[in-house]
Protein backbone atom coordinates (compact mmCIF):
# COMPACT_ATOMS: atom_id res chain seq x y z
CA THR A 1 -28.23 -57.86 10.23
CA ALA A 2 -28.33 -61.37 8.77
CA PHE A 3 -30.05 -59.95 5.73
CA GLY A 4 -27.30 -57.35 5.38
CA VAL A 5 -24.62 -60.00 5.48
CA LEU A 6 -26.42 -62.09 2.80
CA VAL A 7 -26.71 -59.02 0.53
CA ALA A 8 -22.95 -58.25 1.16
CA VAL A 9 -22.04 -61.88 0.30
CA TRP A 10 -24.24 -61.85 -2.77
CA GLN A 11 -22.67 -58.52 -3.95
CA LEU A 12 -19.21 -59.92 -3.45
CA TRP A 13 -20.21 -63.06 -5.44
CA GLU A 14 -21.58 -60.97 -8.27
CA SER A 15 -18.57 -58.65 -8.39
CA ARG A 16 -16.25 -61.68 -8.55
CA LYS A 17 -18.29 -63.07 -11.48
CA VAL A 18 -18.07 -59.65 -13.30
CA ALA A 19 -14.32 -59.39 -12.72
CA LYS A 20 -13.73 -62.99 -14.06
CA THR A 21 -15.89 -62.20 -17.09
CA GLN A 22 -13.90 -58.98 -17.82
CA PHE A 23 -10.65 -60.89 -17.39
CA GLU A 24 -11.83 -63.64 -19.79
CA ASP A 25 -13.05 -60.98 -22.25
CA SER A 26 -9.65 -59.28 -22.24
CA LEU A 27 -7.96 -62.55 -23.20
CA ASN A 28 -10.61 -62.96 -26.04
CA ALA A 29 -9.72 -59.47 -27.28
CA GLN A 30 -6.01 -60.44 -27.34
CA TYR A 31 -7.02 -63.59 -29.38
CA ARG A 32 -8.93 -61.58 -31.88
CA ALA A 33 -6.12 -59.12 -32.30
CA LEU A 34 -3.57 -61.93 -32.97
CA LEU A 35 -5.82 -63.53 -35.51
CA ALA A 36 -6.02 -60.20 -37.38
CA GLU A 37 -2.21 -60.29 -37.70
CA LEU A 38 -2.02 -63.79 -39.18
CA PRO A 39 -2.05 -64.48 -42.84
CA LEU A 40 -5.51 -65.06 -44.27
CA GLU A 41 -4.35 -68.33 -45.84
CA ALA A 42 -3.46 -69.69 -42.37
CA LEU A 43 -7.03 -68.96 -41.16
CA LEU A 44 -8.58 -70.51 -44.28
CA GLY A 45 -6.79 -73.87 -43.73
CA LYS A 46 -4.04 -73.53 -46.25
CA GLU A 47 -0.39 -74.19 -45.89
CA LEU A 48 1.97 -71.27 -46.02
CA SER A 49 5.00 -70.90 -48.19
CA PRO A 50 8.33 -71.08 -46.39
CA THR A 51 8.73 -67.34 -46.79
CA ALA A 52 5.20 -66.55 -45.49
CA LEU A 53 5.74 -68.90 -42.58
CA THR A 54 9.00 -67.34 -41.58
CA GLU A 55 7.44 -63.87 -41.81
CA SER A 56 4.59 -64.84 -39.57
CA LEU A 57 6.39 -66.90 -36.94
CA ARG A 58 6.46 -64.08 -34.43
CA VAL A 59 2.60 -63.79 -34.56
CA PHE A 60 2.16 -67.56 -34.36
CA TYR A 61 4.54 -67.58 -31.37
CA ARG A 62 2.36 -64.98 -29.68
CA TYR A 63 -0.76 -67.09 -30.46
CA PHE A 64 0.92 -70.17 -28.94
CA ASP A 65 1.86 -68.11 -25.89
CA LEU A 66 -1.74 -66.91 -25.38
CA SER A 67 -3.03 -70.43 -25.86
CA ASN A 68 -0.55 -71.69 -23.33
CA GLU A 69 -1.68 -69.05 -20.91
CA GLN A 70 -5.32 -69.96 -21.47
CA ALA A 71 -4.51 -73.61 -20.65
CA PHE A 72 -2.45 -72.58 -17.55
CA LEU A 73 -5.39 -70.39 -16.27
CA HIS A 74 -7.70 -73.37 -16.82
CA GLU A 75 -5.36 -75.66 -14.80
CA LYS A 76 -5.37 -73.07 -11.89
CA ASN A 77 -9.13 -72.79 -12.04
CA ARG A 78 -8.91 -69.06 -12.94
CA VAL A 79 -11.49 -69.29 -15.74
CA ARG A 80 -14.94 -70.74 -16.01
CA PRO A 81 -15.27 -74.30 -17.38
CA GLU A 82 -17.49 -73.11 -20.20
CA THR A 83 -14.87 -70.49 -21.04
CA TRP A 84 -12.11 -73.06 -21.18
CA ALA A 85 -14.36 -75.41 -23.33
CA ASN A 86 -14.60 -72.54 -25.84
CA TRP A 87 -10.95 -71.75 -25.80
CA ARG A 88 -10.04 -75.39 -26.08
CA ASP A 89 -12.35 -75.74 -29.18
CA GLY A 90 -10.65 -72.75 -30.73
CA ILE A 91 -7.22 -74.25 -30.07
CA THR A 92 -8.40 -77.58 -31.45
CA GLN A 93 -9.72 -75.95 -34.66
CA ASN A 94 -6.66 -73.85 -35.24
CA MET A 95 -4.18 -76.66 -34.57
CA ALA A 96 -5.95 -78.68 -37.15
CA ARG A 97 -5.18 -76.02 -39.73
CA PRO A 98 -1.99 -76.78 -41.73
CA ALA A 99 -0.33 -73.35 -41.27
CA PHE A 100 -0.75 -73.61 -37.49
CA ARG A 101 0.72 -77.08 -37.51
CA GLN A 102 3.60 -75.79 -39.77
CA ALA A 103 4.38 -73.03 -37.32
CA TRP A 104 4.04 -75.32 -34.20
CA GLU A 105 6.41 -77.89 -35.67
CA ARG A 106 8.86 -75.15 -36.74
CA LEU A 107 8.92 -73.52 -33.21
CA LEU A 108 8.61 -76.72 -31.16
CA PRO A 109 12.31 -77.57 -31.12
CA ASP A 110 13.05 -74.17 -29.51
CA LEU A 111 10.34 -74.49 -26.85
CA ASP A 112 12.22 -76.70 -24.39
CA GLY A 113 11.04 -75.92 -20.86
CA SER A 114 8.16 -73.68 -21.92
CA PHE A 115 4.69 -73.98 -23.26
CA ASP A 116 4.08 -77.18 -21.18
CA GLU A 117 0.41 -76.51 -20.77
CA LEU A 118 -0.15 -76.08 -24.55
CA LYS A 119 1.97 -79.15 -25.33
CA GLY A 120 -0.39 -81.15 -23.04
CA VAL A 121 -3.42 -79.78 -24.95
CA VAL A 122 -1.73 -80.61 -28.28
CA ARG A 123 -0.91 -84.13 -27.10
CA SER A 124 -4.53 -84.70 -26.11
CA LEU A 125 -5.60 -83.65 -29.61
CA ALA A 126 -3.51 -86.21 -31.41
CA PRO A 127 -2.82 -89.22 -29.03
CA SER A 128 -1.23 -91.20 -31.97
CA ASN A 129 1.17 -88.35 -32.59
CA ASN A 130 2.61 -87.82 -29.12
CA ASN A 131 6.17 -87.31 -30.33
CA ASN A 132 5.22 -84.09 -32.12
CA ALA A 133 4.04 -82.38 -28.98
CA THR A 134 6.89 -83.00 -26.60
């Protein structure tokens, strides 16, 4: 019976790992879908014209919302550390791109009381620029 209990515990452990992987993969799929909707110029590290920025703000907002959710899930230990490291690297790379910064700065005044987890990540990326992330 002890062997049976060990097998059951191992199966439970493995099924939890699979479920967590599937959950993380679903968020990765959302990320890829959002990137497909953003202007190519934004992904190539270029600034957007005021018109292009305005037209794409809804997609940027959804990207920031997803990034905030990822940071929240990390804080609640709902994702693996290596997954968070990958997500954080992606957030870092994207927020270094001018168009992402343009969108963030444009939306930030209207984000009072929300996106706190992402604001914390952004603050940690640019410690000398703390005022832009709060």
